[in-house]
Amino acid sequence: MCNLQRFVLLPIQVSAFKKQEEHHIVQITSQFLRLDHLRDLHLESPSFLEGCLDQMLRCLKSPLGCLSITKCRLTESDLTHVSQSPDISQLKSLDLSGVPMTDFRPELLQVLLEKVAATLQEVDLDACGITDSQLEAFLPALSRCSQLRAVSLCGNLLSTAVLEKLLRHTAVLPCLRQERYPAPQESYRPRGVLLEARLARLRAQLLEILRDLGRPRIIWISLRSLTRNHFSISFSR
């Protein structure tokens, strides 16, 4: 087991009693002490992890190449501990999809992305409730991730203006090939009904930005719609 390089934890049910939660995380983290070569860590819906992520990070014995913690609640302190961990200095893939961050301080993701900017190749922040102010805070750090190949921000609460800024900031990334973004808030009525005419204008507007930037590119826009899930916008010279 000491040679294990990939650890995957699928959803499990944990008692709400604090003592049992603490016992559960001690059981899991104690196993990490035996994994000298662990490179990929995948935790899906780890309900016991909220407020305890530092305990797990302290048990890591080697730098991670992939960190995936999805569909669960974390605290601001948890994200801070991730940013401060020496074991993410070589991170290539970061997946925090489904981790609610709407009420987090905007600079938290900025600090995290700055820490991994030299090596990060994939980042998935789908359905995190990220707002305009949060995205604007970490855009400069994202644009310094020179190895980035894939970015996904679907299901977040972004405006057209911030989506335009996102396209301009990511245009400088030479390796970026896969881009998935949400249709902006202005594309919907208050109850989430898609406004087709407004969406058509948005599509034309984004295509004009891609032409202005002058780099061949395909982006995917995700929709909250029962009839279709996404559409693509492409520009080639």
Protein backbone atom coordinates (compact mmCIF):
# COMPACT_ATOMS: atom_id res chain seq x y z
CA MET A 1 0.00 0.00 0.00
CA CYS A 2 2.92 2.36 0.58
CA ASN A 3 3.45 2.55 -3.22
CA LEU A 4 -0.12 3.70 -3.90
CA GLN A 5 -0.14 6.82 -6.10
CA ARG A 6 -3.90 7.44 -6.52
CA PHE A 7 -6.47 7.56 -3.72
CA VAL A 8 -10.21 7.86 -4.50
CA LEU A 9 -12.88 8.22 -1.82
CA LEU A 10 -16.47 7.96 -3.03
CA PRO A 11 -19.49 9.31 -1.10
CA ILE A 12 -20.08 7.73 2.30
CA GLN A 13 -22.63 8.41 5.02
CA VAL A 14 -21.22 9.79 8.25
CA SER A 15 -23.05 10.29 11.54
CA ALA A 16 -23.79 13.86 12.56
CA PHE A 17 -22.25 13.27 15.97
CA LYS A 18 -18.98 15.16 16.26
CA LYS A 19 -17.04 12.42 18.03
CA GLN A 20 -17.83 9.94 15.29
CA GLU A 21 -16.83 12.47 12.61
CA GLU A 22 -13.51 13.06 14.33
CA HIS A 23 -12.92 9.32 14.58
CA HIS A 24 -13.74 8.96 10.88
CA ILE A 25 -11.25 11.57 9.70
CA VAL A 26 -8.55 10.18 12.00
CA GLN A 27 -9.06 6.76 10.43
CA ILE A 28 -8.66 8.13 6.91
CA THR A 29 -5.78 10.53 7.52
CA SER A 30 -3.84 7.87 9.39
CA GLN A 31 -3.74 5.90 6.14
CA PHE A 32 -2.10 8.83 4.34
CA LEU A 33 0.88 8.53 6.67
CA ARG A 34 1.60 5.21 4.97
CA LEU A 35 1.32 6.55 1.40
CA ASP A 36 4.80 7.78 0.60
CA HIS A 37 4.14 8.13 -3.15
CA LEU A 38 0.59 9.50 -3.24
CA ARG A 39 0.17 11.86 -6.21
CA ASP A 40 -3.58 11.99 -6.95
CA LEU A 41 -6.16 12.62 -4.23
CA HIS A 42 -9.88 12.45 -5.14
CA LEU A 43 -12.54 13.01 -2.47
CA GLU A 44 -16.18 13.12 -3.59
CA SER A 45 -18.78 14.43 -1.13
CA PRO A 46 -16.58 14.03 1.98
CA SER A 47 -19.16 15.36 4.46
CA PHE A 48 -16.77 14.90 7.39
CA LEU A 49 -14.10 17.20 5.93
CA GLU A 50 -15.59 20.64 6.64
CA GLY A 51 -13.29 22.52 9.01
CA CYS A 52 -10.88 19.56 9.22
CA LEU A 53 -8.97 19.72 5.94
CA ASP A 54 -5.76 20.79 7.67
CA GLN A 55 -5.66 17.44 9.50
CA MET A 56 -5.63 15.62 6.19
CA LEU A 57 -3.09 17.90 4.53
CA ARG A 58 -0.65 17.50 7.42
CA CYS A 59 -0.58 13.74 6.81
CA LEU A 60 0.52 13.96 3.18
CA LYS A 61 4.02 12.62 2.60
CA SER A 62 4.71 13.86 -0.95
CA PRO A 63 3.64 16.69 -3.32
CA LEU A 64 0.32 16.14 -5.08
CA GLY A 65 -0.16 16.29 -8.83
CA CYS A 66 -3.96 16.23 -8.62
CA LEU A 67 -6.29 17.45 -5.87
CA SER A 68 -10.02 16.88 -6.27
CA ILE A 69 -12.42 17.74 -3.44
CA THR A 70 -15.96 17.96 -4.79
CA LYS A 71 -19.63 18.27 -3.82
CA CYS A 72 -19.10 19.21 -0.19
CA ARG A 73 -18.87 22.16 2.15
CA LEU A 74 -15.52 23.62 3.14
CA THR A 75 -14.67 26.61 5.30
CA GLU A 76 -12.54 29.62 4.42
CA SER A 77 -9.95 28.18 6.79
CA ASP A 78 -9.92 24.94 4.79
CA LEU A 79 -9.06 26.81 1.57
CA THR A 80 -6.41 28.80 3.39
CA HIS A 81 -4.79 25.57 4.57
CA VAL A 82 -4.77 24.27 0.98
CA SER A 83 -2.99 27.44 -0.18
CA GLN A 84 -0.42 27.15 2.59
CA SER A 85 0.30 23.45 2.14
CA PRO A 86 3.77 22.73 0.71
CA ASP A 87 2.32 19.62 -0.93
CA ILE A 88 0.44 21.56 -3.64
CA SER A 89 3.54 23.25 -5.06
CA GLN A 90 3.56 20.83 -8.02
CA LEU A 91 -0.20 20.64 -8.54
CA LYS A 92 -1.29 20.06 -12.15
CA SER A 93 -5.03 19.50 -11.66
CA LEU A 94 -7.37 21.24 -9.20
CA ASP A 95 -11.06 20.30 -8.95
CA LEU A 96 -13.24 22.05 -6.35
CA SER A 97 -16.50 21.73 -8.27
CA GLY A 98 -19.63 21.76 -6.15
CA VAL A 99 -17.91 23.42 -3.18
CA PRO A 100 -20.02 26.50 -2.25
CA MET A 101 -17.86 29.64 -2.14
CA THR A 102 -20.34 32.50 -2.60
CA ASP A 103 -19.70 33.92 0.88
CA PHE A 104 -15.92 33.39 0.85
CA ARG A 105 -13.52 36.34 0.75
CA PRO A 106 -12.59 37.09 -2.90
CA GLU A 107 -8.85 36.82 -2.31
CA LEU A 108 -8.94 33.17 -1.18
CA LEU A 109 -8.95 31.70 -4.70
CA GLN A 110 -6.46 34.34 -5.82
CA VAL A 111 -3.90 33.17 -3.24
CA LEU A 112 -4.50 29.52 -4.11
CA LEU A 113 -4.04 30.04 -7.86
CA GLU A 114 -0.92 32.12 -7.31
CA LYS A 115 0.59 29.23 -5.37
CA VAL A 116 0.09 26.75 -8.23
CA ALA A 117 0.48 29.11 -11.21
CA ALA A 118 3.75 27.56 -12.42
CA THR A 119 2.39 24.01 -12.77
CA LEU A 120 -1.42 24.07 -12.99
CA GLN A 121 -2.83 22.52 -16.19
CA GLU A 122 -6.50 21.95 -15.33
CA VAL A 123 -8.89 23.79 -13.03
CA ASP A 124 -12.56 22.96 -12.44
CA LEU A 125 -14.60 25.40 -10.36
CA ASP A 126 -18.05 24.41 -11.65
CA ALA A 127 -21.09 25.15 -9.47
CA CYS A 128 -19.16 26.93 -6.73
CA GLY A 129 -21.46 29.96 -6.63
CA ILE A 130 -18.55 32.19 -7.65
CA THR A 131 -19.58 35.83 -8.02
CA ASP A 132 -18.28 38.70 -10.15
CA SER A 133 -16.14 40.15 -7.36
CA GLN A 134 -14.55 36.79 -6.60
CA LEU A 135 -13.72 36.09 -10.24
CA GLU A 136 -12.29 39.57 -10.77
CA ALA A 137 -10.08 39.03 -7.72
CA PHE A 138 -8.47 35.86 -9.06
CA LEU A 139 -8.40 36.72 -12.79
CA PRO A 140 -4.83 38.11 -12.67
CA ALA A 141 -3.63 34.94 -10.93
CA LEU A 142 -5.49 32.75 -13.45
CA SER A 143 -3.85 34.58 -16.36
CA ARG A 144 -0.43 33.72 -14.88
CA CYS A 145 -1.10 29.97 -15.01
CA SER A 146 1.07 29.59 -18.10
CA GLN A 147 0.64 25.79 -18.36
CA LEU A 148 -3.17 25.88 -18.13
CA ARG A 149 -4.88 23.66 -20.71
CA ALA A 150 -8.45 23.43 -19.42
CA VAL A 151 -10.66 25.70 -17.33
CA SER A 152 -14.30 25.17 -16.35
CA LEU A 153 -16.46 27.70 -14.50
CA CYS A 154 -19.96 26.49 -15.41
CA GLY A 155 -22.83 27.06 -13.03
CA ASN A 156 -21.46 30.25 -11.45
CA LEU A 157 -23.10 33.66 -11.01
CA LEU A 158 -21.30 35.83 -13.56
CA SER A 159 -22.31 38.90 -15.53
CA THR A 160 -21.63 39.64 -19.19
CA ALA A 161 -19.05 42.29 -18.28
CA VAL A 162 -17.03 39.88 -16.15
CA LEU A 163 -17.30 37.12 -18.75
CA GLU A 164 -15.75 39.53 -21.26
CA LYS A 165 -12.89 40.24 -18.83
CA LEU A 166 -12.41 36.51 -18.39
CA LEU A 167 -12.04 35.98 -22.15
CA ARG A 168 -9.47 38.77 -22.40
CA HIS A 169 -7.41 37.57 -19.44
CA THR A 170 -7.31 33.95 -20.61
CA ALA A 171 -6.35 34.96 -24.16
CA VAL A 172 -2.71 35.23 -23.03
CA LEU A 173 -2.51 31.55 -22.01
CA PRO A 174 -0.64 29.71 -24.79
CA CYS A 175 -1.66 26.15 -23.85
CA LEU A 176 -5.36 26.75 -23.16
CA ARG A 177 -7.54 24.51 -25.34
CA GLN A 178 -10.68 23.70 -23.32
CA GLU A 179 -12.82 26.54 -21.98
CA ARG A 180 -16.25 26.10 -20.40
CA TYR A 181 -18.09 29.12 -18.99
CA PRO A 182 -21.64 29.86 -17.81
CA ALA A 183 -24.12 31.94 -19.75
CA PRO A 184 -24.22 35.24 -17.84
CA GLN A 185 -26.99 36.21 -15.48
CA GLU A 186 -28.46 38.68 -18.00
CA SER A 187 -29.41 35.74 -20.23
CA TYR A 188 -32.22 34.73 -17.87
CA ARG A 189 -35.42 36.09 -16.43
CA PRO A 190 -35.58 36.28 -12.60
CA ARG A 191 -36.97 32.73 -12.37
CA GLY A 192 -34.24 31.29 -14.57
CA VAL A 193 -36.13 31.26 -17.88
CA LEU A 194 -33.72 31.60 -20.80
CA LEU A 195 -34.09 34.76 -22.91
CA GLU A 196 -33.30 33.56 -26.44
CA ALA A 197 -33.02 37.02 -28.04
CA ARG A 198 -30.65 38.23 -25.35
CA LEU A 199 -28.62 35.04 -25.64
CA ALA A 200 -28.26 35.57 -29.40
CA ARG A 201 -26.91 39.08 -28.77
CA LEU A 202 -24.52 37.69 -26.20
CA ARG A 203 -23.24 35.11 -28.66
CA ALA A 204 -22.55 37.80 -31.27
CA GLN A 205 -20.90 39.98 -28.63
CA LEU A 206 -18.56 37.22 -27.46
CA LEU A 207 -17.67 36.27 -31.03
CA GLU A 208 -16.70 39.89 -31.70
CA ILE A 209 -14.41 39.79 -28.66
CA LEU A 210 -12.74 36.63 -29.95
CA ARG A 211 -12.20 38.30 -33.33
CA ASP A 212 -10.76 41.35 -31.61
CA LEU A 213 -8.32 39.18 -29.65
CA GLY A 214 -7.25 37.56 -32.92
CA ARG A 215 -6.45 34.09 -31.62
CA PRO A 216 -8.14 30.89 -32.92
CA ARG A 217 -10.33 29.67 -30.11
CA ILE A 218 -13.39 27.61 -29.17
CA ILE A 219 -15.32 28.30 -25.98
CA TRP A 220 -18.32 26.43 -24.61
CA ILE A 221 -21.13 28.27 -22.85
CA SER A 222 -23.29 26.23 -20.46
CA LEU A 223 -27.01 26.93 -20.05
CA ARG A 224 -29.60 26.35 -17.36
CA SER A 225 -32.15 25.05 -19.84
CA LEU A 226 -34.33 21.97 -20.21
CA THR A 227 -34.00 21.94 -24.00
CA ARG A 228 -30.23 22.34 -24.40
CA ASN A 229 -27.23 22.31 -22.12
CA HIS A 230 -24.58 24.32 -23.95
CA PHE A 231 -23.41 25.90 -27.18
CA SER A 232 -20.01 26.72 -28.63
CA ILE A 233 -18.51 29.91 -30.01
CA SER A 234 -15.51 29.53 -32.27
CA PHE A 235 -13.14 31.86 -34.09
CA SER A 236 -10.48 30.84 -36.59
CA ARG A 237 -8.32 33.05 -38.74
